[in-house]
Amino acid sequence: MALGVAALVVGGGCGGDKTAAKLEGTWKGVRSEGVSAEQKPAADAYANSLRLDFKGHDLTLASPKGQQKGPYKVVSSDGKTIVLATERDGIDAKQTFLLDGDTTLKWKVDETKMIVFTK
C-alpha cells in the first residue's frame, strides 16, 4: 500500500486553533482499513511503523524512511473530518483525517483506504 503523500503541512488555518487542539499529541499507527486480504499484513505492518506528532501548528510524521516536520494549515473541519493542506504538494493535494472519538484518528490514503492511529 502506498501512502502517496507523506505530508509536510503548512501553517495557520480556518478553524485551526480548535482543530489543532483536537489533533494535539502523539498518534501511533495501529492498522490499515479498506485493503484486500492479500495486502492486509503488509499494510498493517506499514501502518504500525508510522507516528504522527501534532504540537501546536507543527506536525511531525515519523516513518521507516525518517521524519518530516513542518507547520500545518487546516483547510476545513466539521469537527470530525479535518482537511489539511500540504506545503510539499500544494493546496490541490489535501490530506483528509477523520476523528473517531478522542483517541482514534483515521488518515484517508484514498477513497477506500485508511491508516488508523490511536493516542
C-alpha atoms as a PDB file:
ATOM      1  CA  MET A   1       0.000   0.000   0.000  1.00  0.00           C
ATOM      2  CA  ALA A   2       1.480   3.327  -0.993  1.00  0.00           C
ATOM      3  CA  LEU A   3       0.949   6.228   1.335  1.00  0.00           C
ATOM      4  CA  GLY A   4       1.034   8.628  -1.583  1.00  0.00           C
ATOM      5  CA  VAL A   5       1.936  11.859   0.095  1.00  0.00           C
ATOM      6  CA  ALA A   6       3.996  11.783   3.268  1.00  0.00           C
ATOM      7  CA  ALA A   7       2.677  15.114   4.384  1.00  0.00           C
ATOM      8  CA  LEU A   8       4.553  18.136   5.482  1.00  0.00           C
ATOM      9  CA  VAL A   9       1.835  20.586   6.100  1.00  0.00           C
ATOM     10  CA  VAL A  10       1.648  24.422   6.064  1.00  0.00           C
ATOM     11  CA  GLY A  11       0.690  26.918   8.848  1.00  0.00           C
ATOM     12  CA  GLY A  12      -2.423  28.734  10.028  1.00  0.00           C
ATOM     13  CA  GLY A  13      -5.987  27.974   9.118  1.00  0.00           C
ATOM     14  CA  CYS A  14      -9.745  28.195   9.247  1.00  0.00           C
ATOM     15  CA  GLY A  15     -10.959  26.682  12.492  1.00  0.00           C
ATOM     16  CA  GLY A  16      -7.317  25.934  13.069  1.00  0.00           C
ATOM     17  CA  ASP A  17      -6.976  26.535  16.807  1.00  0.00           C
ATOM     18  CA  LYS A  18      -9.925  24.364  17.889  1.00  0.00           C
ATOM     19  CA  THR A  19      -8.985  21.673  15.392  1.00  0.00           C
ATOM     20  CA  ALA A  20      -5.300  21.830  16.337  1.00  0.00           C
ATOM     21  CA  ALA A  21      -6.314  21.237  19.954  1.00  0.00           C
ATOM     22  CA  LYS A  22      -8.175  18.063  18.922  1.00  0.00           C
ATOM     23  CA  LEU A  23      -5.161  16.816  16.971  1.00  0.00           C
ATOM     24  CA  GLU A  24      -2.612  17.722  19.662  1.00  0.00           C
ATOM     25  CA  GLY A  25      -0.435  14.839  20.803  1.00  0.00           C
ATOM     26  CA  THR A  26       1.163  11.669  19.503  1.00  0.00           C
ATOM     27  CA  TRP A  27      -0.800   9.304  17.303  1.00  0.00           C
ATOM     28  CA  LYS A  28       0.603   5.820  16.633  1.00  0.00           C
ATOM     29  CA  GLY A  29      -0.373   3.798  13.573  1.00  0.00           C
ATOM     30  CA  VAL A  30      -2.182   0.590  14.524  1.00  0.00           C
ATOM     31  CA  ARG A  31      -3.766  -0.863  11.380  1.00  0.00           C
ATOM     32  CA  SER A  32      -4.996  -0.316   7.859  1.00  0.00           C
ATOM     33  CA  GLU A  33      -8.576  -0.338   6.628  1.00  0.00           C
ATOM     34  CA  GLY A  34     -10.030  -0.905   3.180  1.00  0.00           C
ATOM     35  CA  VAL A  35      -7.235  -3.060   1.785  1.00  0.00           C
ATOM     36  CA  SER A  36      -7.561  -6.551   0.334  1.00  0.00           C
ATOM     37  CA  ALA A  37      -6.907  -9.620   2.476  1.00  0.00           C
ATOM     38  CA  GLU A  38      -3.711 -10.180   0.463  1.00  0.00           C
ATOM     39  CA  GLN A  39      -2.450  -6.667   1.218  1.00  0.00           C
ATOM     40  CA  LYS A  40      -3.591  -6.568   4.855  1.00  0.00           C
ATOM     41  CA  PRO A  41      -0.455  -7.994   6.566  1.00  0.00           C
ATOM     42  CA  ALA A  42       1.924  -5.629   4.731  1.00  0.00           C
ATOM     43  CA  ALA A  43      -0.451  -2.668   5.047  1.00  0.00           C
ATOM     44  CA  ASP A  44      -0.858  -3.278   8.789  1.00  0.00           C
ATOM     45  CA  ALA A  45       2.913  -3.587   9.246  1.00  0.00           C
ATOM     46  CA  TYR A  46       3.369  -0.268   7.426  1.00  0.00           C
ATOM     47  CA  ALA A  47       0.618   1.386   9.495  1.00  0.00           C
ATOM     48  CA  ASN A  48       2.303   0.149  12.690  1.00  0.00           C
ATOM     49  CA  SER A  49       5.554   1.819  11.621  1.00  0.00           C
ATOM     50  CA  LEU A  50       4.003   5.315  11.431  1.00  0.00           C
ATOM     51  CA  ARG A  51       3.676   8.024  14.054  1.00  0.00           C
ATOM     52  CA  LEU A  52       2.105  11.478  13.803  1.00  0.00           C
ATOM     53  CA  ASP A  53       3.036  14.134  16.354  1.00  0.00           C
ATOM     54  CA  PHE A  54       0.906  17.288  16.421  1.00  0.00           C
ATOM     55  CA  LYS A  55       2.295  20.090  18.595  1.00  0.00           C
ATOM     56  CA  GLY A  56       0.653  23.485  18.229  1.00  0.00           C
ATOM     57  CA  HIS A  57       0.623  24.077  14.484  1.00  0.00           C
ATOM     58  CA  ASP A  58       3.541  21.729  13.775  1.00  0.00           C
ATOM     59  CA  LEU A  59       3.257  18.175  12.507  1.00  0.00           C
ATOM     60  CA  THR A  60       5.951  15.512  12.512  1.00  0.00           C
ATOM     61  CA  LEU A  61       5.475  12.332  10.503  1.00  0.00           C
ATOM     62  CA  ALA A  62       7.804   9.513  11.547  1.00  0.00           C
ATOM     63  CA  SER A  63       8.099   6.565   9.167  1.00  0.00           C
ATOM     64  CA  PRO A  64      10.712   3.920   8.341  1.00  0.00           C
ATOM     65  CA  LYS A  65      12.152   6.424   5.843  1.00  0.00           C
ATOM     66  CA  GLY A  66      12.788   9.007   8.573  1.00  0.00           C
ATOM     67  CA  GLN A  67      10.979  12.079   9.855  1.00  0.00           C
ATOM     68  CA  GLN A  68       9.338  15.001   8.126  1.00  0.00           C
ATOM     69  CA  LYS A  69       8.344  18.047  10.120  1.00  0.00           C
ATOM     70  CA  GLY A  70       6.599  21.296   9.306  1.00  0.00           C
ATOM     71  CA  PRO A  71       3.720  23.592  10.155  1.00  0.00           C
ATOM     72  CA  TYR A  72       0.241  22.661   9.002  1.00  0.00           C
ATOM     73  CA  LYS A  73      -2.838  24.525   7.859  1.00  0.00           C
ATOM     74  CA  VAL A  74      -6.396  23.383   8.471  1.00  0.00           C
ATOM     75  CA  VAL A  75      -8.254  23.901   5.183  1.00  0.00           C
ATOM     76  CA  SER A  76     -11.597  22.775   6.584  1.00  0.00           C
ATOM     77  CA  SER A  77     -13.051  20.994   9.572  1.00  0.00           C
ATOM     78  CA  ASP A  78     -16.520  19.975  10.651  1.00  0.00           C
ATOM     79  CA  GLY A  79     -15.352  18.613  13.986  1.00  0.00           C
ATOM     80  CA  LYS A  80     -14.989  15.049  12.720  1.00  0.00           C
ATOM     81  CA  THR A  81     -13.479  15.434   9.223  1.00  0.00           C
ATOM     82  CA  ILE A  82     -10.312  17.519   9.119  1.00  0.00           C
ATOM     83  CA  VAL A  83      -8.659  18.533   5.856  1.00  0.00           C
ATOM     84  CA  LEU A  84      -5.052  19.757   5.900  1.00  0.00           C
ATOM     85  CA  ALA A  85      -3.145  21.414   3.067  1.00  0.00           C
ATOM     86  CA  THR A  86       0.387  20.271   2.297  1.00  0.00           C
ATOM     87  CA  GLU A  87       3.254  22.631   1.565  1.00  0.00           C
ATOM     88  CA  ARG A  88       5.091  19.977  -0.403  1.00  0.00           C
ATOM     89  CA  ASP A  89       2.197  19.206  -2.729  1.00  0.00           C
ATOM     90  CA  GLY A  90       0.180  22.412  -2.557  1.00  0.00           C
ATOM     91  CA  ILE A  91      -3.446  23.133  -1.843  1.00  0.00           C
ATOM     92  CA  ASP A  92      -4.632  20.667  -4.509  1.00  0.00           C
ATOM     93  CA  ALA A  93      -3.142  17.707  -2.613  1.00  0.00           C
ATOM     94  CA  LYS A  94      -5.136  17.882   0.600  1.00  0.00           C
ATOM     95  CA  GLN A  95      -4.822  15.284   3.349  1.00  0.00           C
ATOM     96  CA  THR A  96      -8.063  14.144   4.997  1.00  0.00           C
ATOM     97  CA  PHE A  97      -8.282  12.849   8.557  1.00  0.00           C
ATOM     98  CA  LEU A  98     -11.342  11.513  10.371  1.00  0.00           C
ATOM     99  CA  LEU A  99     -11.592  11.875  14.152  1.00  0.00           C
ATOM    100  CA  ASP A 100     -13.368   8.934  15.757  1.00  0.00           C
ATOM    101  CA  GLY A 101     -13.759   9.972  19.380  1.00  0.00           C
ATOM    102  CA  ASP A 102     -10.845  11.426  21.319  1.00  0.00           C
ATOM    103  CA  THR A 103      -8.366   8.602  20.791  1.00  0.00           C
ATOM    104  CA  THR A 104      -8.762   7.391  17.183  1.00  0.00           C
ATOM    105  CA  LEU A 105      -7.682   9.246  14.043  1.00  0.00           C
ATOM    106  CA  LYS A 106      -8.010   7.847  10.516  1.00  0.00           C
ATOM    107  CA  TRP A 107      -5.872   9.156   7.658  1.00  0.00           C
ATOM    108  CA  LYS A 108      -7.634   8.710   4.310  1.00  0.00           C
ATOM    109  CA  VAL A 109      -4.961   7.484   1.920  1.00  0.00           C
ATOM    110  CA  ASP A 110      -7.505   7.376  -0.916  1.00  0.00           C
ATOM    111  CA  GLU A 111     -11.260   6.952  -1.277  1.00  0.00           C
ATOM    112  CA  THR A 112     -11.276   3.430   0.178  1.00  0.00           C
ATOM    113  CA  LYS A 113      -8.042   3.026   2.159  1.00  0.00           C
ATOM    114  CA  MET A 114      -7.184   4.439   5.576  1.00  0.00           C
ATOM    115  CA  ILE A 115      -4.444   4.230   8.159  1.00  0.00           C
ATOM    116  CA  VAL A 116      -5.816   4.120  11.697  1.00  0.00           C
ATOM    117  CA  PHE A 117      -3.924   5.881  14.512  1.00  0.00           C
ATOM    118  CA  THR A 118      -4.585   5.889  18.249  1.00  0.00           C
ATOM    119  CA  LYS A 119      -3.350   8.145  21.076  1.00  0.00           C
END
